[in-house]
Amino acid sequence: MSPYQITGTYTGALTSSAGLAAATESSESESKHSAANFENLDEGTKAKILAIINNAKERDAKLKNEAIPEKMTVENTTSLSAEDTEIYVTEAKAGVGVGHSIGYPFGVLFLILGINFIPRMFRFDVEKEKEKYFAQKKIDLSNVKDSEKNTIPEVKMDFVGFSIAAFLGYLLGSIKIAMGPLGTFSLGSIGGAIIVALILGSIGKIGPINFRMDSVVLGKMRTYFLSIFLAGTGLNYGFRVVEAVTGDGIMIAVVSALVAILSVLFGFLLGHYVFHVNWTLLSGAITGGMTSAPGLGAAIDALDSDEPAISYGATQPLATLCMVIFSIIIHKLPI
């Protein structure tokens, strides 16, 4: 598989739009650098680059019903022309996109299955976990002085407050932070929205604008919008998934499934058995570690509680940063 496809598969299986953006940007810069320094590369790397270009030329020739051009080899190619460089850069970016688009639905699928089936696989009672969590939370809240307790009431719905949280979250997520040779980093709309919403939710109210709303109303809105999001994902990627499991993309599908399963499983084992995190929070932390909004929705539905959103908000920003860095590092590795 192309290293660019592997990177896309990685970001797709972890359902990270921020990772995809970083991987696409990094693939362009790294492929241009490799093409410009082609003559100084080792023979193995040259052969892989030429294989990508040859495959692209052969595919395009067949589509246009033209004669297939002579294959480029290490022996007959000392440097890449401007046309060959453009083909290689385009194929690198396309590889990221293909890997991500095939990997994404598998990541969502196995994350949702993991959140729902892990309690059964490891035989612990979700209701008992919730009871322990809320009992400890009650003790923690009782230790807060009365004067420090926040008495801001909830309202049924404040669309102005809701819109402000979403808009400011989008603005925060669009800010790009320079990271020197590693490129840029941004939280993305989902990461920005969760951080802003947590901050505004803790403030509660600013003038006539309320940021604490009825959980039942917000829950119904979340379910509705999540259904739209997942329907769009299925319609957009459905044909790619079918192609993947029936054609050349089968290895991308297998790698995506392994990445998603191992990520969920390792996150659970580390959190549950090493750090002894209650499942109520751990389920949200796992979905935050994969930067998956659909996964968060599944965790909230499975536990019938909004508490997983707390740990999601705590882990998602750092996970997004790591996702961006890892995507760039993968492209820096030898081809």
C-alpha atoms as a PDB file:
ATOM      1  CA  MET A   1       0.000   0.000   0.000  1.00  0.00           C
ATOM      2  CA  SER A   2       1.049   3.581  -0.608  1.00  0.00           C
ATOM      3  CA  PRO A   3       2.255   5.317   2.579  1.00  0.00           C
ATOM      4  CA  TYR A   4      -0.188   8.076   1.761  1.00  0.00           C
ATOM      5  CA  GLN A   5      -3.066   5.601   1.714  1.00  0.00           C
ATOM      6  CA  ILE A   6      -1.865   4.276   5.076  1.00  0.00           C
ATOM      7  CA  THR A   7      -1.981   7.791   6.554  1.00  0.00           C
ATOM      8  CA  GLY A   8      -5.480   8.359   5.213  1.00  0.00           C
ATOM      9  CA  THR A   9      -6.557   4.974   6.534  1.00  0.00           C
ATOM     10  CA  TYR A  10      -5.192   5.904   9.968  1.00  0.00           C
ATOM     11  CA  THR A  11      -7.034   9.232  10.134  1.00  0.00           C
ATOM     12  CA  GLY A  12     -10.183   7.659   8.693  1.00  0.00           C
ATOM     13  CA  ALA A  13     -10.258   4.747  11.120  1.00  0.00           C
ATOM     14  CA  LEU A  14      -9.910   7.246  13.970  1.00  0.00           C
ATOM     15  CA  THR A  15     -12.619   9.431  12.346  1.00  0.00           C
ATOM     16  CA  SER A  16     -10.435  12.544  12.514  1.00  0.00           C
ATOM     17  CA  SER A  17     -11.220  15.398  10.117  1.00  0.00           C
ATOM     18  CA  ALA A  18      -8.362  17.417  11.625  1.00  0.00           C
ATOM     19  CA  GLY A  19      -6.017  14.507  10.991  1.00  0.00           C
ATOM     20  CA  LEU A  20      -7.230  14.309   7.396  1.00  0.00           C
ATOM     21  CA  ALA A  21      -6.507  17.998   6.841  1.00  0.00           C
ATOM     22  CA  ALA A  22      -3.020  17.633   8.305  1.00  0.00           C
ATOM     23  CA  ALA A  23      -2.331  14.445   6.346  1.00  0.00           C
ATOM     24  CA  THR A  24      -3.443  16.040   3.066  1.00  0.00           C
ATOM     25  CA  GLU A  25      -1.295  19.121   3.626  1.00  0.00           C
ATOM     26  CA  SER A  26       1.685  17.039   4.715  1.00  0.00           C
ATOM     27  CA  SER A  27       1.335  14.625   1.774  1.00  0.00           C
ATOM     28  CA  GLU A  28       1.563  17.523  -0.664  1.00  0.00           C
ATOM     29  CA  SER A  29       4.697  19.018   0.881  1.00  0.00           C
ATOM     30  CA  GLU A  30       6.449  15.666   1.413  1.00  0.00           C
ATOM     31  CA  SER A  31       5.661  14.340  -2.083  1.00  0.00           C
ATOM     32  CA  LYS A  32       6.957  17.577  -3.650  1.00  0.00           C
ATOM     33  CA  HIS A  33      10.124  17.286  -1.571  1.00  0.00           C
ATOM     34  CA  SER A  34      10.653  13.633  -2.575  1.00  0.00           C
ATOM     35  CA  ALA A  35      10.059  14.415  -6.242  1.00  0.00           C
ATOM     36  CA  ALA A  36      12.486  17.355  -6.197  1.00  0.00           C
ATOM     37  CA  ASN A  37      15.201  15.204  -4.560  1.00  0.00           C
ATOM     38  CA  PHE A  38      14.459  12.084  -6.613  1.00  0.00           C
ATOM     39  CA  GLU A  39      18.049  11.597  -7.803  1.00  0.00           C
ATOM     40  CA  ASN A  40      19.338  11.502  -4.202  1.00  0.00           C
ATOM     41  CA  LEU A  41      16.888   8.856  -2.972  1.00  0.00           C
ATOM     42  CA  ASP A  42      17.752   5.181  -2.511  1.00  0.00           C
ATOM     43  CA  GLU A  43      16.675   2.724  -5.211  1.00  0.00           C
ATOM     44  CA  GLY A  44      13.880   1.194  -3.134  1.00  0.00           C
ATOM     45  CA  THR A  45      12.240   4.566  -2.557  1.00  0.00           C
ATOM     46  CA  LYS A  46      12.662   5.503  -6.223  1.00  0.00           C
ATOM     47  CA  ALA A  47      10.984   2.265  -7.286  1.00  0.00           C
ATOM     48  CA  LYS A  48       7.968   2.921  -5.060  1.00  0.00           C
ATOM     49  CA  ILE A  49       7.577   6.486  -6.336  1.00  0.00           C
ATOM     50  CA  LEU A  50       7.829   5.319  -9.954  1.00  0.00           C
ATOM     51  CA  ALA A  51       5.289   2.550  -9.282  1.00  0.00           C
ATOM     52  CA  ILE A  52       2.764   5.147  -8.085  1.00  0.00           C
ATOM     53  CA  ILE A  53       3.356   7.295 -11.199  1.00  0.00           C
ATOM     54  CA  ASN A  54       3.237   4.288 -13.566  1.00  0.00           C
ATOM     55  CA  ASN A  55      -0.036   3.048 -12.084  1.00  0.00           C
ATOM     56  CA  ALA A  56      -1.597   6.505 -12.436  1.00  0.00           C
ATOM     57  CA  LYS A  57      -0.490   6.823 -16.074  1.00  0.00           C
ATOM     58  CA  GLU A  58      -1.747   3.331 -16.899  1.00  0.00           C
ATOM     59  CA  ARG A  59      -5.121   4.013 -15.248  1.00  0.00           C
ATOM     60  CA  ASP A  60      -5.563   7.331 -17.062  1.00  0.00           C
ATOM     61  CA  ALA A  61      -4.566   5.816 -20.412  1.00  0.00           C
ATOM     62  CA  LYS A  62      -7.165   3.048 -20.048  1.00  0.00           C
ATOM     63  CA  LEU A  63      -9.853   5.575 -19.150  1.00  0.00           C
ATOM     64  CA  LYS A  64      -9.038   7.614 -22.268  1.00  0.00           C
ATOM     65  CA  ASN A  65      -8.615   4.519 -24.475  1.00  0.00           C
ATOM     66  CA  GLU A  66      -5.062   5.572 -25.262  1.00  0.00           C
ATOM     67  CA  ALA A  67      -1.870   3.547 -25.561  1.00  0.00           C
ATOM     68  CA  ILE A  68      -0.246   2.770 -22.217  1.00  0.00           C
ATOM     69  CA  PRO A  69       3.048   4.700 -21.976  1.00  0.00           C
ATOM     70  CA  GLU A  70       6.350   2.960 -21.402  1.00  0.00           C
ATOM     71  CA  LYS A  71       6.946   2.211 -17.750  1.00  0.00           C
ATOM     72  CA  MET A  72       9.458   4.319 -15.893  1.00  0.00           C
ATOM     73  CA  THR A  73      12.135   2.347 -14.054  1.00  0.00           C
ATOM     74  CA  VAL A  74      15.032   3.182 -11.785  1.00  0.00           C
ATOM     75  CA  GLU A  75      17.383   2.381 -14.669  1.00  0.00           C
ATOM     76  CA  ASN A  76      15.769   4.691 -17.253  1.00  0.00           C
ATOM     77  CA  THR A  77      14.745   7.536 -14.932  1.00  0.00           C
ATOM     78  CA  THR A  78      17.264   9.838 -13.286  1.00  0.00           C
ATOM     79  CA  SER A  79      14.877  12.667 -12.398  1.00  0.00           C
ATOM     80  CA  LEU A  80      11.169  13.488 -12.567  1.00  0.00           C
ATOM     81  CA  SER A  81       9.714  15.934 -15.059  1.00  0.00           C
ATOM     82  CA  ALA A  82       7.261  18.624 -14.008  1.00  0.00           C
ATOM     83  CA  GLU A  83       4.423  16.458 -15.353  1.00  0.00           C
ATOM     84  CA  ASP A  84       5.606  13.384 -13.407  1.00  0.00           C
ATOM     85  CA  THR A  85       5.975  15.462 -10.258  1.00  0.00           C
ATOM     86  CA  GLU A  86       2.435  16.781 -10.632  1.00  0.00           C
ATOM     87  CA  ILE A  87       1.105  13.242 -11.104  1.00  0.00           C
ATOM     88  CA  TYR A  88       2.970  12.009  -8.028  1.00  0.00           C
ATOM     89  CA  VAL A  89       1.761  14.886  -5.817  1.00  0.00           C
ATOM     90  CA  THR A  90      -1.818  14.430  -7.034  1.00  0.00           C
ATOM     91  CA  GLU A  91      -1.680  10.677  -6.382  1.00  0.00           C
ATOM     92  CA  ALA A  92      -0.229  11.274  -2.906  1.00  0.00           C
ATOM     93  CA  LYS A  93      -3.105  13.572  -1.936  1.00  0.00           C
ATOM     94  CA  ALA A  94      -5.636  11.266  -3.569  1.00  0.00           C
ATOM     95  CA  GLY A  95      -4.185   8.319  -1.652  1.00  0.00           C
ATOM     96  CA  VAL A  96      -4.833  10.104   1.623  1.00  0.00           C
ATOM     97  CA  GLY A  97      -8.397  10.856   0.551  1.00  0.00           C
ATOM     98  CA  VAL A  98      -9.129   7.298  -0.576  1.00  0.00           C
ATOM     99  CA  GLY A  99      -7.663   5.774   2.588  1.00  0.00           C
ATOM    100  CA  HIS A 100      -9.658   8.164   4.764  1.00  0.00           C
ATOM    101  CA  SER A 101     -12.947   7.734   2.916  1.00  0.00           C
ATOM    102  CA  ILE A 102     -12.745   3.928   3.124  1.00  0.00           C
ATOM    103  CA  GLY A 103     -11.434   3.887   6.691  1.00  0.00           C
ATOM    104  CA  TYR A 104     -13.906   6.374   8.147  1.00  0.00           C
ATOM    105  CA  PRO A 105     -17.104   4.266   8.107  1.00  0.00           C
ATOM    106  CA  PHE A 106     -15.222   1.274   9.521  1.00  0.00           C
ATOM    107  CA  GLY A 107     -13.871   3.471  12.314  1.00  0.00           C
ATOM    108  CA  VAL A 108     -17.350   4.732  13.184  1.00  0.00           C
ATOM    109  CA  LEU A 109     -18.844   1.238  12.977  1.00  0.00           C
ATOM    110  CA  PHE A 110     -16.327  -0.518  15.220  1.00  0.00           C
ATOM    111  CA  LEU A 111     -16.210   2.346  17.726  1.00  0.00           C
ATOM    112  CA  ILE A 112     -20.001   2.245  18.142  1.00  0.00           C
ATOM    113  CA  LEU A 113     -19.933  -1.566  18.405  1.00  0.00           C
ATOM    114  CA  GLY A 114     -17.100  -1.382  20.937  1.00  0.00           C
ATOM    115  CA  ILE A 115     -18.893   1.118  23.159  1.00  0.00           C
ATOM    116  CA  ASN A 116     -21.989  -1.086  23.208  1.00  0.00           C
ATOM    117  CA  PHE A 117     -20.354  -4.523  23.524  1.00  0.00           C
ATOM    118  CA  ILE A 118     -17.313  -3.932  25.773  1.00  0.00           C
ATOM    119  CA  PRO A 119     -19.432  -4.124  28.978  1.00  0.00           C
ATOM    120  CA  ARG A 120     -20.756  -7.514  27.859  1.00  0.00           C
ATOM    121  CA  MET A 121     -17.367  -8.797  26.729  1.00  0.00           C
ATOM    122  CA  PHE A 122     -15.671  -7.889  30.013  1.00  0.00           C
ATOM    123  CA  ARG A 123     -18.756  -8.650  32.117  1.00  0.00           C
ATOM    124  CA  PHE A 124     -19.334  -5.538  34.151  1.00  0.00           C
ATOM    125  CA  ASP A 125     -22.661  -3.881  34.925  1.00  0.00           C
ATOM    126  CA  VAL A 126     -23.097  -0.466  33.295  1.00  0.00           C
ATOM    127  CA  GLU A 127     -25.803   0.506  35.786  1.00  0.00           C
ATOM    128  CA  LYS A 128     -23.532  -0.273  38.731  1.00  0.00           C
ATOM    129  CA  GLU A 129     -20.761   1.765  37.124  1.00  0.00           C
ATOM    130  CA  LYS A 130     -23.184   4.685  36.808  1.00  0.00           C
ATOM    131  CA  GLU A 131     -24.286   4.307  40.431  1.00  0.00           C
ATOM    132  CA  LYS A 132     -20.667   4.406  41.619  1.00  0.00           C
ATOM    133  CA  TYR A 133     -19.949   7.427  39.448  1.00  0.00           C
ATOM    134  CA  PHE A 134     -22.947   9.469  40.564  1.00  0.00           C
ATOM    135  CA  ALA A 135     -22.410   8.500  44.214  1.00  0.00           C
ATOM    136  CA  GLN A 136     -18.841   9.804  44.034  1.00  0.00           C
ATOM    137  CA  LYS A 137     -19.996  12.888  42.159  1.00  0.00           C
ATOM    138  CA  LYS A 138     -22.563  13.603  44.878  1.00  0.00           C
ATOM    139  CA  ILE A 139     -19.850  13.361  47.537  1.00  0.00           C
ATOM    140  CA  ASP A 140     -17.582  15.683  45.551  1.00  0.00           C
ATOM    141  CA  LEU A 141     -20.373  18.234  45.116  1.00  0.00           C
ATOM    142  CA  SER A 142     -21.298  18.071  48.804  1.00  0.00           C
ATOM    143  CA  ASN A 143     -17.747  19.085  49.689  1.00  0.00           C
ATOM    144  CA  VAL A 144     -18.184  22.351  47.816  1.00  0.00           C
ATOM    145  CA  LYS A 145     -19.133  25.242  50.072  1.00  0.00           C
ATOM    146  CA  ASP A 146     -22.668  26.535  49.658  1.00  0.00           C
ATOM    147  CA  SER A 147     -21.339  29.921  48.607  1.00  0.00           C
ATOM    148  CA  GLU A 148     -19.392  28.279  45.816  1.00  0.00           C
ATOM    149  CA  LYS A 149     -22.329  26.306  44.483  1.00  0.00           C
ATOM    150  CA  ASN A 150     -23.622  27.546  41.164  1.00  0.00           C
ATOM    151  CA  THR A 151     -27.336  28.286  41.353  1.00  0.00           C
ATOM    152  CA  ILE A 152     -27.897  29.385  37.751  1.00  0.00           C
ATOM    153  CA  PRO A 153     -31.162  27.708  36.643  1.00  0.00           C
ATOM    154  CA  GLU A 154     -31.663  25.801  33.408  1.00  0.00           C
ATOM    155  CA  VAL A 155     -33.981  27.038  30.672  1.00  0.00           C
ATOM    156  CA  LYS A 156     -35.871  24.853  28.229  1.00  0.00           C
ATOM    157  CA  MET A 157     -33.960  26.193  25.222  1.00  0.00           C
ATOM    158  CA  ASP A 158     -32.063  29.338  24.291  1.00  0.00           C
ATOM    159  CA  PHE A 159     -31.400  29.327  20.549  1.00  0.00           C
ATOM    160  CA  VAL A 160     -29.308  32.491  20.785  1.00  0.00           C
ATOM    161  CA  GLY A 161     -27.008  30.892  23.357  1.00  0.00           C
ATOM    162  CA  PHE A 162     -26.898  27.667  21.373  1.00  0.00           C
ATOM    163  CA  SER A 163     -26.016  29.537  18.149  1.00  0.00           C
ATOM    164  CA  ILE A 164     -23.328  31.592  19.871  1.00  0.00           C
ATOM    165  CA  ALA A 165     -21.698  28.437  21.259  1.00  0.00           C
ATOM    166  CA  ALA A 166     -21.718  26.806  17.818  1.00  0.00           C
ATOM    167  CA  PHE A 167     -20.422  29.912  16.017  1.00  0.00           C
ATOM    168  CA  LEU A 168     -17.627  30.631  18.500  1.00  0.00           C
ATOM    169  CA  GLY A 169     -16.696  26.946  18.453  1.00  0.00           C
ATOM    170  CA  TYR A 170     -16.397  27.060  14.677  1.00  0.00           C
ATOM    171  CA  LEU A 171     -14.190  30.161  14.875  1.00  0.00           C
ATOM    172  CA  LEU A 172     -11.948  28.576  17.509  1.00  0.00           C
ATOM    173  CA  GLY A 173     -11.652  25.391  15.472  1.00  0.00           C
ATOM    174  CA  SER A 174     -10.640  27.312  12.340  1.00  0.00           C
ATOM    175  CA  ILE A 175      -7.660  28.989  14.029  1.00  0.00           C
ATOM    176  CA  LYS A 176      -4.402  27.515  12.733  1.00  0.00           C
ATOM    177  CA  ILE A 177      -1.457  27.341  15.104  1.00  0.00           C
ATOM    178  CA  ALA A 178       2.016  27.227  13.534  1.00  0.00           C
ATOM    179  CA  MET A 179       4.160  24.299  14.677  1.00  0.00           C
ATOM    180  CA  GLY A 180       7.373  25.020  12.773  1.00  0.00           C
ATOM    181  CA  PRO A 181       8.569  22.093  10.639  1.00  0.00           C
ATOM    182  CA  LEU A 182       5.487  20.073  11.639  1.00  0.00           C
ATOM    183  CA  GLY A 183       3.183  22.488   9.815  1.00  0.00           C
ATOM    184  CA  THR A 184       0.015  23.846  11.404  1.00  0.00           C
ATOM    185  CA  PHE A 185      -2.518  22.550  13.912  1.00  0.00           C
ATOM    186  CA  SER A 186      -6.183  23.344  14.402  1.00  0.00           C
ATOM    187  CA  LEU A 187      -8.905  21.862  16.581  1.00  0.00           C
ATOM    188  CA  GLY A 188     -11.450  21.665  13.774  1.00  0.00           C
ATOM    189  CA  SER A 189     -15.110  22.591  14.124  1.00  0.00           C
ATOM    190  CA  ILE A 190     -15.896  19.666  16.448  1.00  0.00           C
ATOM    191  CA  GLY A 191     -12.961  20.285  18.784  1.00  0.00           C
ATOM    192  CA  GLY A 192     -13.594  24.022  18.881  1.00  0.00           C
ATOM    193  CA  ALA A 193     -17.314  23.555  19.507  1.00  0.00           C
ATOM    194  CA  ILE A 194     -16.878  21.151  22.439  1.00  0.00           C
ATOM    195  CA  ILE A 195     -14.328  23.414  24.158  1.00  0.00           C
ATOM    196  CA  VAL A 196     -16.396  26.593  23.747  1.00  0.00           C
ATOM    197  CA  ALA A 197     -19.575  24.781  24.832  1.00  0.00           C
ATOM    198  CA  LEU A 198     -17.876  23.471  27.978  1.00  0.00           C
ATOM    199  CA  ILE A 199     -16.623  26.955  28.866  1.00  0.00           C
ATOM    200  CA  LEU A 200     -19.961  28.649  28.233  1.00  0.00           C
ATOM    201  CA  GLY A 201     -21.793  25.854  30.032  1.00  0.00           C
ATOM    202  CA  SER A 202     -19.630  26.399  33.103  1.00  0.00           C
ATOM    203  CA  ILE A 203     -20.335  30.154  32.964  1.00  0.00           C
ATOM    204  CA  GLY A 204     -24.043  29.448  32.670  1.00  0.00           C
ATOM    205  CA  LYS A 205     -25.373  32.860  31.731  1.00  0.00           C
ATOM    206  CA  ILE A 206     -24.187  36.144  30.246  1.00  0.00           C
ATOM    207  CA  GLY A 207     -26.758  38.903  30.581  1.00  0.00           C
ATOM    208  CA  PRO A 208     -30.044  37.678  29.099  1.00  0.00           C
ATOM    209  CA  ILE A 209     -28.347  34.823  27.204  1.00  0.00           C
ATOM    210  CA  ASN A 210     -28.534  31.387  28.833  1.00  0.00           C
ATOM    211  CA  PHE A 211     -26.065  28.586  28.201  1.00  0.00           C
ATOM    212  CA  ARG A 212     -27.613  25.984  30.507  1.00  0.00           C
ATOM    213  CA  MET A 213     -30.483  24.266  28.783  1.00  0.00           C
ATOM    214  CA  ASP A 214     -32.773  21.331  29.418  1.00  0.00           C
ATOM    215  CA  SER A 215     -30.835  18.102  28.840  1.00  0.00           C
ATOM    216  CA  VAL A 216     -33.939  16.416  27.393  1.00  0.00           C
ATOM    217  CA  VAL A 217     -34.299  19.081  24.684  1.00  0.00           C
ATOM    218  CA  LEU A 218     -30.583  19.047  23.908  1.00  0.00           C
ATOM    219  CA  GLY A 219     -30.630  15.257  23.838  1.00  0.00           C
ATOM    220  CA  LYS A 220     -33.382  15.183  21.227  1.00  0.00           C
ATOM    221  CA  MET A 221     -31.525  17.766  19.128  1.00  0.00           C
ATOM    222  CA  ARG A 222     -28.324  15.748  19.416  1.00  0.00           C
ATOM    223  CA  THR A 223     -30.058  12.551  18.311  1.00  0.00           C
ATOM    224  CA  TYR A 224     -31.676  14.299  15.352  1.00  0.00           C
ATOM    225  CA  PHE A 225     -28.502  15.978  14.094  1.00  0.00           C
ATOM    226  CA  LEU A 226     -26.406  12.864  14.682  1.00  0.00           C
ATOM    227  CA  SER A 227     -28.872  10.864  12.580  1.00  0.00           C
ATOM    228  CA  ILE A 228     -28.461  13.406   9.769  1.00  0.00           C
ATOM    229  CA  PHE A 229     -24.673  13.253  10.102  1.00  0.00           C
ATOM    230  CA  LEU A 230     -24.545   9.444   9.981  1.00  0.00           C
ATOM    231  CA  ALA A 231     -27.014   9.325   7.080  1.00  0.00           C
ATOM    232  CA  GLY A 232     -24.781  11.745   5.160  1.00  0.00           C
ATOM    233  CA  THR A 233     -21.727   9.647   5.990  1.00  0.00           C
ATOM    234  CA  GLY A 234     -23.408   6.482   4.750  1.00  0.00           C
ATOM    235  CA  LEU A 235     -24.630   8.080   1.532  1.00  0.00           C
ATOM    236  CA  ASN A 236     -21.252   9.694   0.865  1.00  0.00           C
ATOM    237  CA  TYR A 237     -19.020   6.711   1.632  1.00  0.00           C
ATOM    238  CA  GLY A 238     -21.340   3.757   1.058  1.00  0.00           C
ATOM    239  CA  PHE A 239     -20.214   2.981  -2.474  1.00  0.00           C
ATOM    240  CA  ARG A 240     -16.543   3.224  -1.442  1.00  0.00           C
ATOM    241  CA  VAL A 241     -17.100   0.709   1.346  1.00  0.00           C
ATOM    242  CA  VAL A 242     -18.747  -1.733  -1.072  1.00  0.00           C
ATOM    243  CA  GLU A 243     -15.847  -1.267  -3.504  1.00  0.00           C
ATOM    244  CA  ALA A 244     -13.374  -1.746  -0.664  1.00  0.00           C
ATOM    245  CA  VAL A 245     -14.731  -5.058   0.560  1.00  0.00           C
ATOM    246  CA  THR A 246     -15.211  -6.424  -2.973  1.00  0.00           C
ATOM    247  CA  GLY A 247     -12.167  -5.018  -4.779  1.00  0.00           C
ATOM    248  CA  ASP A 248      -8.616  -3.725  -4.426  1.00  0.00           C
ATOM    249  CA  GLY A 249      -9.465  -1.715  -1.316  1.00  0.00           C
ATOM    250  CA  ILE A 250      -9.948  -4.807   0.837  1.00  0.00           C
ATOM    251  CA  MET A 251      -6.590  -4.264   2.566  1.00  0.00           C
ATOM    252  CA  ILE A 252      -7.540  -0.690   3.451  1.00  0.00           C
ATOM    253  CA  ALA A 253     -10.768  -2.019   4.955  1.00  0.00           C
ATOM    254  CA  VAL A 254      -8.856  -4.646   6.965  1.00  0.00           C
ATOM    255  CA  VAL A 255      -6.292  -2.116   8.230  1.00  0.00           C
ATOM    256  CA  SER A 256      -9.076   0.335   9.153  1.00  0.00           C
ATOM    257  CA  ALA A 257     -10.928  -2.304  11.126  1.00  0.00           C
ATOM    258  CA  LEU A 258      -7.741  -3.293  12.988  1.00  0.00           C
ATOM    259  CA  VAL A 259      -6.855   0.328  13.806  1.00  0.00           C
ATOM    260  CA  ALA A 260     -10.348   1.021  15.154  1.00  0.00           C
ATOM    261  CA  ILE A 261     -10.634  -2.237  17.145  1.00  0.00           C
ATOM    262  CA  LEU A 262      -7.156  -1.998  18.683  1.00  0.00           C
ATOM    263  CA  SER A 263      -7.632   1.685  19.556  1.00  0.00           C
ATOM    264  CA  VAL A 264     -10.906   1.046  21.371  1.00  0.00           C
ATOM    265  CA  LEU A 265      -9.636  -2.110  23.082  1.00  0.00           C
ATOM    266  CA  PHE A 266      -6.307  -0.637  24.211  1.00  0.00           C
ATOM    267  CA  GLY A 267      -8.040   2.527  25.442  1.00  0.00           C
ATOM    268  CA  PHE A 268     -10.438   0.428  27.521  1.00  0.00           C
ATOM    269  CA  LEU A 269      -7.771  -1.885  28.979  1.00  0.00           C
ATOM    270  CA  LEU A 270      -5.504   1.024  29.920  1.00  0.00           C
ATOM    271  CA  GLY A 271      -8.298   3.138  31.383  1.00  0.00           C
ATOM    272  CA  HIS A 272     -10.194   0.370  33.177  1.00  0.00           C
ATOM    273  CA  TYR A 273      -7.423  -1.854  34.541  1.00  0.00           C
ATOM    274  CA  VAL A 274      -4.486   0.551  34.915  1.00  0.00           C
ATOM    275  CA  PHE A 275      -6.076   3.904  35.796  1.00  0.00           C
ATOM    276  CA  HIS A 276      -9.381   2.481  37.145  1.00  0.00           C
ATOM    277  CA  VAL A 277     -11.515   5.064  35.357  1.00  0.00           C
ATOM    278  CA  ASN A 278     -15.253   4.573  35.742  1.00  0.00           C
ATOM    279  CA  TRP A 279     -16.909   3.390  32.502  1.00  0.00           C
ATOM    280  CA  THR A 280     -19.225   6.408  32.578  1.00  0.00           C
ATOM    281  CA  LEU A 281     -16.249   8.667  31.917  1.00  0.00           C
ATOM    282  CA  LEU A 282     -14.028   6.124  30.149  1.00  0.00           C
ATOM    283  CA  SER A 283     -16.526   5.614  27.319  1.00  0.00           C
ATOM    284  CA  GLY A 284     -16.402   9.353  26.591  1.00  0.00           C
ATOM    285  CA  ALA A 285     -12.619   9.428  26.903  1.00  0.00           C
ATOM    286  CA  ILE A 286     -12.242   6.632  24.337  1.00  0.00           C
ATOM    287  CA  THR A 287     -14.476   8.419  21.835  1.00  0.00           C
ATOM    288  CA  GLY A 288     -12.606  11.671  22.530  1.00  0.00           C
ATOM    289  CA  GLY A 289      -9.302   9.888  21.959  1.00  0.00           C
ATOM    290  CA  MET A 290     -10.608   8.920  18.528  1.00  0.00           C
ATOM    291  CA  THR A 291     -12.077  12.429  18.043  1.00  0.00           C
ATOM    292  CA  SER A 292     -15.374  10.794  17.098  1.00  0.00           C
ATOM    293  CA  ALA A 293     -18.609  12.765  17.504  1.00  0.00           C
ATOM    294  CA  PRO A 294     -20.713   9.748  16.401  1.00  0.00           C
ATOM    295  CA  GLY A 295     -18.888   7.683  19.013  1.00  0.00           C
ATOM    296  CA  LEU A 296     -19.776  10.221  21.690  1.00  0.00           C
ATOM    297  CA  GLY A 297     -23.405  10.022  20.622  1.00  0.00           C
ATOM    298  CA  ALA A 298     -23.246   6.231  20.924  1.00  0.00           C
ATOM    299  CA  ALA A 299     -21.691   6.470  24.407  1.00  0.00           C
ATOM    300  CA  ILE A 300     -24.361   8.915  25.575  1.00  0.00           C
ATOM    301  CA  ASP A 301     -27.131   6.702  24.208  1.00  0.00           C
ATOM    302  CA  ALA A 302     -25.618   3.488  25.610  1.00  0.00           C
ATOM    303  CA  LEU A 303     -25.308   4.965  29.112  1.00  0.00           C
ATOM    304  CA  ASP A 304     -28.460   7.085  28.854  1.00  0.00           C
ATOM    305  CA  SER A 305     -26.451   9.953  30.350  1.00  0.00           C
ATOM    306  CA  ASP A 306     -24.655  13.090  29.147  1.00  0.00           C
ATOM    307  CA  GLU A 307     -21.677  12.516  31.466  1.00  0.00           C
ATOM    308  CA  PRO A 308     -19.432  10.971  28.741  1.00  0.00           C
ATOM    309  CA  ALA A 309     -19.345  14.426  27.117  1.00  0.00           C
ATOM    310  CA  ILE A 310     -17.229  15.654  30.050  1.00  0.00           C
ATOM    311  CA  SER A 311     -14.367  13.236  29.382  1.00  0.00           C
ATOM    312  CA  TYR A 312     -14.805  13.646  25.623  1.00  0.00           C
ATOM    313  CA  GLY A 313     -14.171  17.367  26.004  1.00  0.00           C
ATOM    314  CA  ALA A 314     -11.115  16.665  28.149  1.00  0.00           C
ATOM    315  CA  THR A 315      -9.451  14.234  25.724  1.00  0.00           C
ATOM    316  CA  GLN A 316     -10.504  15.432  22.274  1.00  0.00           C
ATOM    317  CA  PRO A 317      -8.218  18.500  21.973  1.00  0.00           C
ATOM    318  CA  LEU A 318      -5.067  16.576  22.946  1.00  0.00           C
ATOM    319  CA  ALA A 319      -6.076  13.667  20.706  1.00  0.00           C
ATOM    320  CA  THR A 320      -6.544  16.077  17.805  1.00  0.00           C
ATOM    321  CA  LEU A 321      -3.062  17.523  18.369  1.00  0.00           C
ATOM    322  CA  CYS A 322      -1.513  14.040  18.520  1.00  0.00           C
ATOM    323  CA  MET A 323      -3.441  13.001  15.403  1.00  0.00           C
ATOM    324  CA  VAL A 324      -2.005  15.935  13.464  1.00  0.00           C
ATOM    325  CA  ILE A 325       1.549  15.286  14.682  1.00  0.00           C
ATOM    326  CA  PHE A 326       1.382  11.536  13.993  1.00  0.00           C
ATOM    327  CA  SER A 327      -0.001  12.106  10.493  1.00  0.00           C
ATOM    328  CA  ILE A 328       2.944  14.356   9.694  1.00  0.00           C
ATOM    329  CA  ILE A 329       5.445  11.932  11.259  1.00  0.00           C
ATOM    330  CA  ILE A 330       4.147   9.038   9.128  1.00  0.00           C
ATOM    331  CA  HIS A 331       4.942  11.036   5.995  1.00  0.00           C
ATOM    332  CA  LYS A 332       8.424  11.796   7.305  1.00  0.00           C
ATOM    333  CA  LEU A 333       9.187   8.079   7.575  1.00  0.00           C
ATOM    334  CA  PRO A 334      11.010   6.313   4.732  1.00  0.00           C
ATOM    335  CA  ILE A 335       8.656   5.234   1.933  1.00  0.00           C
END
